[in-house]
Structures are given as C-alpha cells and as structure tokens.
Amino acid sequence: MRTGVIIAGGYSTRFGADDKAVADLAGKPMIRRVADRLVAPVDEILVNCRPAQRSGIEEALFGLELPIQFAEDPEPDQGPMAGIMTGLEAADGEYAAVVACDMPFVSPAFVRYLFERADGHDAAVPQVEDEWFQTTQAVYRAEPMAAACAEALERDEHKIIEPLFTLDYVVVDEREIRTHADTDTFRNVNTRAELRDAAQEFGDSK
C-alpha cells in the first residue's frame, strides 16, 4: 500500500482570500491536478486540510479513481510540518508520498522513483543543486517521520528539514531528478500570476 498525502491546509497569503487548493487551473481545481498525477504511483489519496476546506476539496476530488481519506488539522495554521505529521499519522501505507497542493506539475514517474529510493529507509528527499531540500515532494516512512515531526514540534522546531536529522534518509540528487523528471515537478503556484501562467501551459498541452 502506497499513500499519497496532499498537504492543503496552509493559508495562501500570497494568493489572496480564496482557497488556493481549489482554485480553477485550466478547467480543474488545482488539487485535482495534483491528485490526478498521483493516481498512477499511489494506491490511496489522503488530504490534510483545515475543517473548513473539506467540503470544497471533496467536491474537487469527486470521481477520482482512488480511495480518498481526510486528515483534518486539529489546530489550523501550525505550519507545513504539522500538516505533514497529521497526514502521515492517518496514512494506511507504510510509505507515503507527501506533495503540496500547489505543485500541479508533479511528475508521476518521479514519485514512483522516490518510493523506490525510500525503500529500506525512513525517507527519500530530493535536493536540486545546492538549494534546500524539497520536503513537500518527498516519500517518507509514515510512522517514524510522523513521530519525528511530533518530537521536533515539541522542541519548538518548525523547519520541515529538522525531523529528517533523526532519521535514516537518502538524498535524491539533481542527476537522479533529471533522469526521471525535470525540475518543473517542484514548481509551485503561489500567486494569481503564477496560476495564469500555469493555466496557459495546461491549456497548451490539451
């Protein structure tokens, strides 16, 4: 069992008042774009969100070909590490791919490769050149990562990389990334302008 955890509970301050997760992206809600790309490499979808988001996200994901679960944040706006922890605690699979809801270009082949790299370890986390780790497009062994997140939050640590330092993780480097995808897989849609650019690309690909 492989779980796909979509992190959708953050407040999108740069996007405006509307919920970015369900923003229309070339005729589909953005979170549906992400979920559609996860259908191939995972066996179930689990969405971490705020309670107020759930009905809109359920509507956006209606008809998806995989089982869908929700892991609602007990306290909203506690940051991405708390969202990852909540999602992983509810995951059925031993391993889970965590993907942010604003990454509609996520590569299914790359997610599948991350599962392969994580096998036998606690995590497989991409890193492009000397940039920061891509912790919101990575595969984790659910139980140890959730526990490490809880321990980090108890220490008042909120950087998502912190839990990894207590785990057995592998770094997926740029050579590996480019073998299985391109760096667009990590592309975020954070603003209305970026949404318009992404919509044009999805429209051109039809």
N, C-alpha and C. Protein backbone atom coordinates (compact mmCIF):
# COMPACT_ATOMS: atom_id res chain seq x y z
N MET A 1 0.84 -1.20 0.00
CA MET A 1 0.00 0.00 0.00
C MET A 1 0.88 1.25 0.00
N ARG A 2 0.68 2.08 -0.98
CA ARG A 2 1.38 3.37 -1.05
C ARG A 2 0.35 4.49 -0.96
N THR A 3 0.59 5.41 -0.05
CA THR A 3 -0.34 6.52 0.17
C THR A 3 0.22 7.80 -0.44
N GLY A 4 -0.65 8.57 -1.03
CA GLY A 4 -0.30 9.91 -1.49
C GLY A 4 -0.94 10.93 -0.55
N VAL A 5 -0.13 11.68 0.16
CA VAL A 5 -0.62 12.68 1.10
C VAL A 5 -0.49 14.06 0.45
N ILE A 6 -1.62 14.71 0.24
CA ILE A 6 -1.62 16.06 -0.32
C ILE A 6 -1.80 17.05 0.82
N ILE A 7 -0.84 17.96 0.96
CA ILE A 7 -0.87 18.96 2.03
C ILE A 7 -1.58 20.20 1.51
N ALA A 8 -2.74 20.50 2.10
CA ALA A 8 -3.56 21.60 1.59
C ALA A 8 -4.01 22.58 2.67
N GLY A 9 -3.52 22.43 3.89
CA GLY A 9 -4.08 23.19 5.00
C GLY A 9 -3.52 24.57 5.23
N GLY A 10 -2.48 24.96 4.49
CA GLY A 10 -1.87 26.26 4.74
C GLY A 10 -2.71 27.41 4.24
N TYR A 11 -2.53 28.56 4.87
CA TYR A 11 -3.18 29.78 4.40
C TYR A 11 -2.31 30.40 3.31
N SER A 12 -2.91 30.65 2.16
CA SER A 12 -2.15 31.12 1.00
C SER A 12 -2.16 32.64 0.96
N THR A 13 -1.31 33.27 1.75
CA THR A 13 -1.36 34.72 1.89
C THR A 13 -1.01 35.43 0.58
N ARG A 14 -0.10 34.85 -0.20
CA ARG A 14 0.28 35.50 -1.46
C ARG A 14 -0.76 35.29 -2.55
N PHE A 15 -1.68 34.36 -2.33
CA PHE A 15 -2.67 34.03 -3.35
C PHE A 15 -3.93 34.88 -3.21
N GLY A 16 -4.19 35.38 -2.02
CA GLY A 16 -5.41 36.14 -1.79
C GLY A 16 -6.35 35.40 -0.84
N ALA A 17 -7.59 35.87 -0.79
CA ALA A 17 -8.54 35.34 0.19
C ALA A 17 -9.08 33.97 -0.17
N ASP A 18 -9.10 33.62 -1.45
CA ASP A 18 -9.68 32.35 -1.87
C ASP A 18 -8.75 31.18 -1.53
N ASP A 19 -9.33 29.99 -1.43
CA ASP A 19 -8.55 28.79 -1.13
C ASP A 19 -7.79 28.36 -2.38
N LYS A 20 -6.48 28.43 -2.31
CA LYS A 20 -5.64 28.08 -3.46
C LYS A 20 -5.84 26.63 -3.88
N ALA A 21 -6.09 25.75 -2.93
CA ALA A 21 -6.20 24.32 -3.25
C ALA A 21 -7.27 24.04 -4.29
N VAL A 22 -8.35 24.79 -4.26
CA VAL A 22 -9.46 24.52 -5.19
C VAL A 22 -9.57 25.58 -6.27
N ALA A 23 -8.55 26.40 -6.43
CA ALA A 23 -8.56 27.42 -7.48
C ALA A 23 -8.61 26.75 -8.85
N ASP A 24 -9.35 27.35 -9.75
CA ASP A 24 -9.50 26.80 -11.10
C ASP A 24 -8.19 26.92 -11.86
N LEU A 25 -7.70 25.79 -12.35
CA LEU A 25 -6.48 25.75 -13.14
C LEU A 25 -6.79 25.09 -14.48
N ALA A 26 -7.07 25.91 -15.45
CA ALA A 26 -7.41 25.42 -16.80
C ALA A 26 -8.55 24.41 -16.77
N GLY A 27 -9.61 24.75 -16.01
CA GLY A 27 -10.81 23.92 -16.01
C GLY A 27 -10.90 22.87 -14.93
N LYS A 28 -9.86 22.75 -14.11
CA LYS A 28 -9.89 21.80 -12.99
C LYS A 28 -9.36 22.48 -11.73
N PRO A 29 -9.87 22.12 -10.56
CA PRO A 29 -9.27 22.64 -9.33
C PRO A 29 -7.81 22.20 -9.23
N MET A 30 -6.97 23.07 -8.69
CA MET A 30 -5.53 22.77 -8.63
C MET A 30 -5.25 21.47 -7.88
N ILE A 31 -5.95 21.23 -6.78
CA ILE A 31 -5.70 20.00 -6.03
C ILE A 31 -6.09 18.76 -6.85
N ARG A 32 -7.05 18.91 -7.74
CA ARG A 32 -7.41 17.78 -8.60
C ARG A 32 -6.29 17.51 -9.61
N ARG A 33 -5.63 18.57 -10.08
CA ARG A 33 -4.48 18.37 -10.96
C ARG A 33 -3.40 17.54 -10.26
N VAL A 34 -3.15 17.86 -8.99
CA VAL A 34 -2.16 17.11 -8.22
C VAL A 34 -2.61 15.67 -8.02
N ALA A 35 -3.86 15.50 -7.59
CA ALA A 35 -4.38 14.15 -7.34
C ALA A 35 -4.38 13.29 -8.60
N ASP A 36 -4.74 13.87 -9.74
CA ASP A 36 -4.74 13.11 -10.99
C ASP A 36 -3.35 12.57 -11.31
N ARG A 37 -2.32 13.33 -10.98
CA ARG A 37 -0.95 12.90 -11.26
C ARG A 37 -0.46 11.86 -10.26
N LEU A 38 -1.13 11.77 -9.12
CA LEU A 38 -0.74 10.76 -8.12
C LEU A 38 -1.48 9.44 -8.29
N VAL A 39 -2.47 9.41 -9.16
CA VAL A 39 -3.26 8.19 -9.34
C VAL A 39 -2.37 7.00 -9.73
N ALA A 40 -1.41 7.24 -10.61
CA ALA A 40 -0.59 6.13 -11.10
C ALA A 40 0.37 5.58 -10.03
N PRO A 41 1.10 6.41 -9.28
CA PRO A 41 2.10 5.85 -8.36
C PRO A 41 1.60 5.49 -6.97
N VAL A 42 0.35 5.83 -6.60
CA VAL A 42 -0.10 5.51 -5.24
C VAL A 42 -1.39 4.70 -5.29
N ASP A 43 -1.78 4.18 -4.11
CA ASP A 43 -2.97 3.33 -4.00
C ASP A 43 -4.14 4.04 -3.33
N GLU A 44 -3.86 5.13 -2.65
CA GLU A 44 -4.90 5.91 -2.00
C GLU A 44 -4.42 7.35 -1.88
N ILE A 45 -5.39 8.26 -1.78
CA ILE A 45 -5.10 9.68 -1.58
C ILE A 45 -5.60 10.09 -0.20
N LEU A 46 -4.76 10.78 0.52
CA LEU A 46 -5.13 11.32 1.82
C LEU A 46 -4.85 12.82 1.80
N VAL A 47 -5.84 13.61 2.15
CA VAL A 47 -5.71 15.06 2.10
C VAL A 47 -5.65 15.62 3.51
N ASN A 48 -4.59 16.38 3.78
CA ASN A 48 -4.51 17.14 5.02
C ASN A 48 -5.02 18.55 4.75
N CYS A 49 -6.01 18.98 5.53
CA CYS A 49 -6.60 20.29 5.31
C CYS A 49 -7.24 20.81 6.59
N ARG A 50 -7.70 22.05 6.55
CA ARG A 50 -8.48 22.60 7.64
C ARG A 50 -9.92 22.11 7.51
N PRO A 51 -10.65 21.98 8.61
CA PRO A 51 -12.04 21.50 8.52
C PRO A 51 -12.89 22.31 7.54
N ALA A 52 -12.67 23.62 7.50
CA ALA A 52 -13.49 24.48 6.64
C ALA A 52 -13.25 24.21 5.16
N GLN A 53 -12.12 23.60 4.83
CA GLN A 53 -11.80 23.33 3.42
C GLN A 53 -12.42 22.04 2.91
N ARG A 54 -12.81 21.17 3.81
CA ARG A 54 -13.09 19.79 3.42
C ARG A 54 -14.17 19.67 2.34
N SER A 55 -15.27 20.36 2.49
CA SER A 55 -16.36 20.18 1.52
C SER A 55 -15.93 20.61 0.12
N GLY A 56 -15.18 21.71 0.03
CA GLY A 56 -14.73 22.16 -1.28
C GLY A 56 -13.75 21.19 -1.92
N ILE A 57 -12.87 20.61 -1.10
CA ILE A 57 -11.91 19.65 -1.63
C ILE A 57 -12.60 18.34 -2.00
N GLU A 58 -13.57 17.92 -1.20
CA GLU A 58 -14.32 16.71 -1.55
C GLU A 58 -14.98 16.87 -2.91
N GLU A 59 -15.55 18.04 -3.16
CA GLU A 59 -16.18 18.30 -4.46
C GLU A 59 -15.13 18.28 -5.57
N ALA A 60 -13.97 18.87 -5.30
CA ALA A 60 -12.91 18.93 -6.31
C ALA A 60 -12.40 17.54 -6.67
N LEU A 61 -12.40 16.62 -5.72
CA LEU A 61 -11.85 15.28 -5.95
C LEU A 61 -12.91 14.24 -6.29
N PHE A 62 -14.15 14.68 -6.43
CA PHE A 62 -15.24 13.73 -6.73
C PHE A 62 -14.93 12.97 -8.02
N GLY A 63 -15.09 11.66 -7.96
CA GLY A 63 -14.87 10.82 -9.14
C GLY A 63 -13.45 10.37 -9.34
N LEU A 64 -12.54 10.74 -8.44
CA LEU A 64 -11.17 10.27 -8.57
C LEU A 64 -11.14 8.74 -8.50
N GLU A 65 -10.21 8.14 -9.20
CA GLU A 65 -10.17 6.68 -9.33
C GLU A 65 -9.56 5.97 -8.12
N LEU A 66 -9.22 6.69 -7.08
CA LEU A 66 -8.62 6.10 -5.88
C LEU A 66 -9.45 6.41 -4.65
N PRO A 67 -9.34 5.58 -3.61
CA PRO A 67 -9.98 5.92 -2.33
C PRO A 67 -9.39 7.22 -1.79
N ILE A 68 -10.23 8.03 -1.15
CA ILE A 68 -9.82 9.32 -0.61
C ILE A 68 -10.13 9.36 0.88
N GLN A 69 -9.15 9.77 1.68
CA GLN A 69 -9.34 10.00 3.09
C GLN A 69 -8.97 11.45 3.42
N PHE A 70 -9.41 11.90 4.57
CA PHE A 70 -9.07 13.25 5.03
C PHE A 70 -8.44 13.17 6.41
N ALA A 71 -7.45 14.00 6.63
CA ALA A 71 -6.83 14.16 7.94
C ALA A 71 -6.86 15.66 8.24
N GLU A 72 -7.87 16.06 9.00
CA GLU A 72 -8.05 17.47 9.25
C GLU A 72 -7.11 17.95 10.35
N ASP A 73 -6.63 19.18 10.20
CA ASP A 73 -5.75 19.77 11.21
C ASP A 73 -6.52 20.00 12.50
N PRO A 74 -6.03 19.47 13.63
CA PRO A 74 -6.70 19.74 14.90
C PRO A 74 -6.62 21.21 15.30
N GLU A 75 -5.50 21.85 14.91
CA GLU A 75 -5.33 23.28 15.10
C GLU A 75 -4.86 23.87 13.78
N PRO A 76 -5.59 24.84 13.23
CA PRO A 76 -5.20 25.38 11.94
C PRO A 76 -3.95 26.24 12.01
N ASP A 77 -3.28 26.37 10.87
CA ASP A 77 -2.15 27.29 10.70
C ASP A 77 -1.00 27.00 11.65
N GLN A 78 -0.64 25.71 11.79
CA GLN A 78 0.51 25.34 12.61
C GLN A 78 1.75 25.07 11.76
N GLY A 79 1.64 25.34 10.47
CA GLY A 79 2.79 25.18 9.59
C GLY A 79 2.81 23.85 8.87
N PRO A 80 3.67 23.76 7.81
CA PRO A 80 3.69 22.54 6.99
C PRO A 80 4.15 21.30 7.73
N MET A 81 5.05 21.45 8.72
CA MET A 81 5.48 20.25 9.45
C MET A 81 4.32 19.61 10.19
N ALA A 82 3.47 20.43 10.79
CA ALA A 82 2.30 19.90 11.49
C ALA A 82 1.35 19.23 10.50
N GLY A 83 1.22 19.81 9.30
CA GLY A 83 0.37 19.20 8.29
C GLY A 83 0.90 17.85 7.83
N ILE A 84 2.22 17.78 7.62
CA ILE A 84 2.83 16.50 7.25
C ILE A 84 2.62 15.47 8.34
N MET A 85 2.83 15.87 9.59
CA MET A 85 2.64 14.94 10.71
C MET A 85 1.20 14.42 10.75
N THR A 86 0.23 15.32 10.63
CA THR A 86 -1.17 14.92 10.68
C THR A 86 -1.52 13.97 9.54
N GLY A 87 -1.03 14.27 8.35
CA GLY A 87 -1.29 13.41 7.21
C GLY A 87 -0.66 12.04 7.36
N LEU A 88 0.60 12.01 7.79
CA LEU A 88 1.29 10.73 7.91
C LEU A 88 0.72 9.87 9.03
N GLU A 89 0.25 10.50 10.09
CA GLU A 89 -0.37 9.73 11.18
C GLU A 89 -1.61 8.99 10.70
N ALA A 90 -2.28 9.52 9.69
CA ALA A 90 -3.52 8.90 9.20
C ALA A 90 -3.30 7.99 8.00
N ALA A 91 -2.07 7.94 7.48
CA ALA A 91 -1.81 7.16 6.27
C ALA A 91 -1.91 5.66 6.54
N ASP A 92 -2.49 4.92 5.61
CA ASP A 92 -2.59 3.47 5.72
C ASP A 92 -1.31 2.77 5.26
N GLY A 93 -0.64 3.37 4.29
CA GLY A 93 0.55 2.74 3.75
C GLY A 93 1.76 2.92 4.65
N GLU A 94 2.70 1.94 4.55
CA GLU A 94 3.96 2.09 5.31
C GLU A 94 4.72 3.30 4.82
N TYR A 95 4.70 3.52 3.50
CA TYR A 95 5.37 4.66 2.90
C TYR A 95 4.33 5.59 2.28
N ALA A 96 4.61 6.88 2.34
CA ALA A 96 3.68 7.87 1.80
C ALA A 96 4.45 8.94 1.04
N ALA A 97 3.93 9.28 -0.12
CA ALA A 97 4.46 10.43 -0.86
C ALA A 97 3.72 11.67 -0.39
N VAL A 98 4.47 12.64 0.08
CA VAL A 98 3.89 13.91 0.51
C VAL A 98 4.10 14.92 -0.62
N VAL A 99 3.01 15.54 -1.06
CA VAL A 99 3.07 16.53 -2.14
C VAL A 99 2.20 17.72 -1.75
N ALA A 100 2.72 18.91 -1.93
CA ALA A 100 1.94 20.11 -1.65
C ALA A 100 0.84 20.28 -2.69
N CYS A 101 -0.28 20.87 -2.27
CA CYS A 101 -1.43 21.01 -3.17
C CYS A 101 -1.18 22.02 -4.28
N ASP A 102 -0.09 22.80 -4.17
CA ASP A 102 0.19 23.80 -5.19
C ASP A 102 1.31 23.37 -6.13
N MET A 103 1.50 22.05 -6.28
CA MET A 103 2.50 21.51 -7.20
C MET A 103 1.81 20.72 -8.32
N PRO A 104 1.09 21.40 -9.21
CA PRO A 104 0.29 20.68 -10.22
C PRO A 104 1.12 20.03 -11.32
N PHE A 105 2.44 20.31 -11.36
CA PHE A 105 3.29 19.71 -12.38
C PHE A 105 4.05 18.49 -11.86
N VAL A 106 3.68 18.01 -10.67
CA VAL A 106 4.37 16.88 -10.08
C VAL A 106 4.42 15.70 -11.06
N SER A 107 5.59 15.09 -11.16
CA SER A 107 5.80 14.01 -12.12
C SER A 107 5.44 12.66 -11.51
N PRO A 108 4.48 11.92 -12.08
CA PRO A 108 4.15 10.59 -11.56
C PRO A 108 5.35 9.64 -11.58
N ALA A 109 6.15 9.70 -12.64
CA ALA A 109 7.32 8.82 -12.73
C ALA A 109 8.32 9.14 -11.63
N PHE A 110 8.47 10.41 -11.31
CA PHE A 110 9.42 10.78 -10.26
C PHE A 110 8.92 10.33 -8.89
N VAL A 111 7.63 10.47 -8.65
CA VAL A 111 7.07 9.99 -7.38
C VAL A 111 7.30 8.49 -7.24
N ARG A 112 7.09 7.77 -8.32
CA ARG A 112 7.34 6.32 -8.28
C ARG A 112 8.80 6.03 -7.96
N TYR A 113 9.69 6.81 -8.53
CA TYR A 113 11.12 6.62 -8.24
C TYR A 113 11.44 6.95 -6.79
N LEU A 114 10.80 7.96 -6.23
CA LEU A 114 11.02 8.29 -4.82
C LEU A 114 10.62 7.13 -3.91
N PHE A 115 9.54 6.46 -4.24
CA PHE A 115 9.17 5.26 -3.47
C PHE A 115 10.28 4.21 -3.55
N GLU A 116 10.83 4.01 -4.73
CA GLU A 116 11.90 3.02 -4.89
C GLU A 116 13.12 3.40 -4.06
N ARG A 117 13.49 4.68 -4.07
CA ARG A 117 14.68 5.14 -3.33
C ARG A 117 14.46 5.07 -1.82
N ALA A 118 13.22 5.27 -1.39
CA ALA A 118 12.93 5.27 0.05
C ALA A 118 12.90 3.87 0.63
N ASP A 119 12.73 2.87 -0.20
CA ASP A 119 12.57 1.51 0.29
C ASP A 119 13.77 1.12 1.18
N GLY A 120 13.47 0.66 2.39
CA GLY A 120 14.51 0.28 3.33
C GLY A 120 15.06 1.43 4.15
N HIS A 121 14.57 2.65 3.89
CA HIS A 121 14.99 3.85 4.62
C HIS A 121 13.75 4.54 5.19
N ASP A 122 13.97 5.61 5.92
CA ASP A 122 12.85 6.36 6.50
C ASP A 122 12.35 7.46 5.58
N ALA A 123 13.14 7.85 4.58
CA ALA A 123 12.72 8.93 3.69
C ALA A 123 13.62 8.99 2.47
N ALA A 124 13.06 9.51 1.38
CA ALA A 124 13.83 9.89 0.19
C ALA A 124 13.43 11.31 -0.14
N VAL A 125 14.39 12.22 -0.06
CA VAL A 125 14.10 13.65 -0.19
C VAL A 125 14.94 14.25 -1.31
N PRO A 126 14.31 14.88 -2.30
CA PRO A 126 15.07 15.48 -3.41
C PRO A 126 15.80 16.75 -2.98
N GLN A 127 16.92 17.00 -3.67
CA GLN A 127 17.65 18.24 -3.49
C GLN A 127 18.21 18.65 -4.84
N VAL A 128 17.86 19.85 -5.29
CA VAL A 128 18.33 20.37 -6.57
C VAL A 128 19.56 21.23 -6.32
N GLU A 129 20.70 20.85 -6.89
CA GLU A 129 21.97 21.56 -6.73
C GLU A 129 22.21 21.86 -5.25
N ASP A 130 22.47 23.10 -4.93
CA ASP A 130 22.74 23.48 -3.54
C ASP A 130 21.53 24.10 -2.87
N GLU A 131 20.37 23.95 -3.47
CA GLU A 131 19.16 24.52 -2.90
C GLU A 131 18.67 23.66 -1.73
N TRP A 132 17.64 24.18 -1.05
CA TRP A 132 17.09 23.48 0.11
C TRP A 132 16.38 22.21 -0.32
N PHE A 133 16.22 21.31 0.61
CA PHE A 133 15.54 20.05 0.32
C PHE A 133 14.08 20.28 -0.06
N GLN A 134 13.57 19.48 -0.98
CA GLN A 134 12.18 19.55 -1.41
C GLN A 134 11.34 18.62 -0.52
N THR A 135 11.10 19.07 0.70
CA THR A 135 10.43 18.22 1.69
C THR A 135 8.94 18.05 1.43
N THR A 136 8.35 18.93 0.61
CA THR A 136 6.94 18.78 0.28
C THR A 136 6.73 18.14 -1.09
N GLN A 137 7.76 17.45 -1.57
CA GLN A 137 7.60 16.47 -2.65
C GLN A 137 8.63 15.39 -2.38
N ALA A 138 8.30 14.53 -1.45
CA ALA A 138 9.22 13.52 -0.95
C ALA A 138 8.42 12.31 -0.49
N VAL A 139 9.13 11.21 -0.27
CA VAL A 139 8.48 9.99 0.25
C VAL A 139 9.05 9.70 1.63
N TYR A 140 8.15 9.40 2.56
CA TYR A 140 8.52 9.13 3.95
C TYR A 140 7.94 7.79 4.40
N ARG A 141 8.66 7.13 5.28
CA ARG A 141 8.05 6.03 6.02
C ARG A 141 7.16 6.68 7.06
N ALA A 142 5.88 6.43 6.99
CA ALA A 142 4.90 7.26 7.69
C ALA A 142 5.11 7.32 9.20
N GLU A 143 5.24 6.17 9.84
CA GLU A 143 5.27 6.17 11.30
C GLU A 143 6.49 6.89 11.89
N PRO A 144 7.73 6.57 11.45
CA PRO A 144 8.86 7.27 12.04
C PRO A 144 8.91 8.76 11.71
N MET A 145 8.48 9.15 10.50
CA MET A 145 8.51 10.56 10.17
C MET A 145 7.47 11.33 10.98
N ALA A 146 6.28 10.76 11.15
CA ALA A 146 5.26 11.43 11.97
C ALA A 146 5.76 11.61 13.40
N ALA A 147 6.41 10.57 13.95
CA ALA A 147 6.94 10.67 15.31
C ALA A 147 8.05 11.72 15.40
N ALA A 148 8.91 11.77 14.36
CA ALA A 148 10.00 12.75 14.36
C ALA A 148 9.46 14.17 14.25
N CYS A 149 8.37 14.35 13.49
CA CYS A 149 7.73 15.68 13.41
C CYS A 149 7.17 16.08 14.77
N ALA A 150 6.52 15.15 15.45
CA ALA A 150 5.95 15.44 16.76
C ALA A 150 7.04 15.86 17.74
N GLU A 151 8.16 15.15 17.71
CA GLU A 151 9.26 15.47 18.60
C GLU A 151 9.86 16.84 18.27
N ALA A 152 9.98 17.15 16.99
CA ALA A 152 10.51 18.46 16.59
C ALA A 152 9.59 19.59 17.03
N LEU A 153 8.29 19.39 16.88
CA LEU A 153 7.34 20.42 17.29
C LEU A 153 7.38 20.62 18.80
N GLU A 154 7.59 19.54 19.54
CA GLU A 154 7.72 19.66 20.99
C GLU A 154 8.94 20.50 21.37
N ARG A 155 9.99 20.45 20.52
CA ARG A 155 11.19 21.27 20.76
C ARG A 155 11.03 22.67 20.20
N ASP A 156 9.83 22.97 19.67
CA ASP A 156 9.53 24.26 19.05
C ASP A 156 10.36 24.48 17.79
N GLU A 157 10.67 23.38 17.09
CA GLU A 157 11.33 23.44 15.79
C GLU A 157 10.25 23.38 14.71
N HIS A 158 10.31 24.30 13.75
CA HIS A 158 9.27 24.33 12.72
C HIS A 158 9.82 24.19 11.30
N LYS A 159 11.14 24.11 11.14
CA LYS A 159 11.70 23.87 9.82
C LYS A 159 11.46 22.41 9.45
N ILE A 160 10.92 22.19 8.26
CA ILE A 160 10.50 20.84 7.88
C ILE A 160 11.68 19.88 7.79
N ILE A 161 12.87 20.39 7.60
CA ILE A 161 14.04 19.52 7.48
C ILE A 161 14.45 18.92 8.82
N GLU A 162 14.10 19.56 9.92
CA GLU A 162 14.57 19.14 11.23
C GLU A 162 14.26 17.67 11.56
N PRO A 163 13.06 17.17 11.32
CA PRO A 163 12.78 15.76 11.67
C PRO A 163 13.69 14.77 10.96
N LEU A 164 14.15 15.13 9.76
CA LEU A 164 14.97 14.19 9.00
C LEU A 164 16.30 13.89 9.68
N PHE A 165 16.80 14.83 10.45
CA PHE A 165 18.12 14.66 11.04
C PHE A 165 18.16 13.53 12.06
N THR A 166 17.00 13.08 12.51
CA THR A 166 16.95 11.95 13.45
C THR A 166 16.59 10.65 12.75
N LEU A 167 16.46 10.69 11.41
CA LEU A 167 16.01 9.52 10.65
C LEU A 167 17.07 9.04 9.68
N ASP A 168 16.84 7.87 9.13
CA ASP A 168 17.69 7.31 8.07
C ASP A 168 17.10 7.74 6.73
N TYR A 169 17.63 8.83 6.19
CA TYR A 169 17.06 9.34 4.93
C TYR A 169 18.12 9.35 3.83
N VAL A 170 17.64 9.27 2.58
CA VAL A 170 18.53 9.36 1.43
C VAL A 170 18.20 10.64 0.67
N VAL A 171 19.23 11.23 0.09
CA VAL A 171 19.07 12.44 -0.72
C VAL A 171 19.01 12.04 -2.18
N VAL A 172 17.99 12.49 -2.86
CA VAL A 172 17.85 12.26 -4.31
C VAL A 172 18.41 13.49 -5.00
N ASP A 173 19.55 13.32 -5.66
CA ASP A 173 20.26 14.49 -6.18
C ASP A 173 19.75 14.89 -7.56
N GLU A 174 20.34 15.97 -8.07
CA GLU A 174 19.85 16.53 -9.33
C GLU A 174 20.02 15.57 -10.50
N ARG A 175 21.09 14.81 -10.51
CA ARG A 175 21.28 13.85 -11.59
C ARG A 175 20.12 12.86 -11.63
N GLU A 176 19.75 12.35 -10.46
CA GLU A 176 18.63 11.41 -10.38
C GLU A 176 17.32 12.08 -10.78
N ILE A 177 17.15 13.30 -10.30
CA ILE A 177 15.91 14.03 -10.62
C ILE A 177 15.76 14.15 -12.12
N ARG A 178 16.83 14.58 -12.80
CA ARG A 178 16.74 14.83 -14.24
C ARG A 178 16.63 13.54 -15.04
N THR A 179 17.01 12.42 -14.44
CA THR A 179 16.83 11.14 -15.11
C THR A 179 15.37 10.74 -15.15
N HIS A 180 14.61 11.13 -14.14
CA HIS A 180 13.23 10.67 -14.01
C HIS A 180 12.18 11.78 -14.20
N ALA A 181 12.62 13.03 -14.24
CA ALA A 181 11.69 14.15 -14.38
C ALA A 181 12.50 15.37 -14.79
N ASP A 182 11.91 16.54 -14.66
CA ASP A 182 12.68 17.77 -14.73
C ASP A 182 12.27 18.61 -13.53
N THR A 183 12.94 19.71 -13.33
CA THR A 183 12.70 20.48 -12.11
C THR A 183 11.33 21.14 -12.07
N ASP A 184 10.60 21.12 -13.17
CA ASP A 184 9.21 21.62 -13.13
C ASP A 184 8.35 20.81 -12.17
N THR A 185 8.76 19.58 -11.86
CA THR A 185 7.99 18.76 -10.92
C THR A 185 7.84 19.46 -9.58
N PHE A 186 8.80 20.34 -9.21
CA PHE A 186 8.75 21.05 -7.93
C PHE A 186 8.10 22.42 -8.03
N ARG A 187 7.63 22.77 -9.20
CA ARG A 187 7.13 24.13 -9.43
C ARG A 187 5.87 24.40 -8.60
N ASN A 188 5.91 25.48 -7.85
CA ASN A 188 4.77 25.89 -7.03
C ASN A 188 3.93 26.94 -7.74
N VAL A 189 2.65 26.96 -7.41
CA VAL A 189 1.76 28.04 -7.86
C VAL A 189 1.35 28.80 -6.61
N ASN A 190 2.00 29.92 -6.38
CA ASN A 190 1.80 30.68 -5.14
C ASN A 190 0.99 31.95 -5.32
N THR A 191 0.91 32.45 -6.54
CA THR A 191 0.24 33.73 -6.79
C THR A 191 -0.74 33.59 -7.94
N ARG A 192 -1.58 34.60 -8.09
CA ARG A 192 -2.53 34.61 -9.21
C ARG A 192 -1.79 34.64 -10.55
N ALA A 193 -0.69 35.39 -10.60
CA ALA A 193 0.08 35.46 -11.84
C ALA A 193 0.64 34.08 -12.20
N GLU A 194 1.16 33.36 -11.22
CA GLU A 194 1.67 32.02 -11.47
C GLU A 194 0.55 31.06 -11.87
N LEU A 195 -0.65 31.27 -11.32
CA LEU A 195 -1.80 30.46 -11.72
C LEU A 195 -2.14 30.70 -13.18
N ARG A 196 -2.10 31.96 -13.61
CA ARG A 196 -2.38 32.26 -15.02
C ARG A 196 -1.34 31.62 -15.93
N ASP A 197 -0.07 31.69 -15.54
CA ASP A 197 0.98 31.08 -16.36
C ASP A 197 0.79 29.57 -16.44
N ALA A 198 0.48 28.95 -15.31
CA ALA A 198 0.28 27.50 -15.30
C ALA A 198 -0.93 27.12 -16.14
N ALA A 199 -2.00 27.91 -16.05
CA ALA A 199 -3.21 27.62 -16.82
C ALA A 199 -2.92 27.67 -18.32
N GLN A 200 -2.09 28.60 -18.73
CA GLN A 200 -1.74 28.69 -20.14
C GLN A 200 -0.99 27.43 -20.58
N GLU A 201 -0.10 26.94 -19.73
CA GLU A 201 0.66 25.74 -20.10
C GLU A 201 -0.24 24.50 -20.16
N PHE A 202 -1.15 24.38 -19.18
CA PHE A 202 -2.08 23.25 -19.22
C PHE A 202 -2.99 23.37 -20.43
N GLY A 203 -3.39 24.56 -20.76
CA GLY A 203 -4.24 24.76 -21.93
C GLY A 203 -3.51 24.40 -23.22
N ASP A 204 -2.21 24.75 -23.29
CA ASP A 204 -1.42 24.45 -24.48
C ASP A 204 -1.18 22.96 -24.64
N SER A 205 -1.25 22.21 -23.51
CA SER A 205 -0.96 20.78 -23.57
C SER A 205 -2.16 19.94 -23.96
N LYS A 206 -3.34 20.57 -24.08
CA LYS A 206 -4.54 19.81 -24.42
C LYS A 206 -4.48 19.30 -25.85
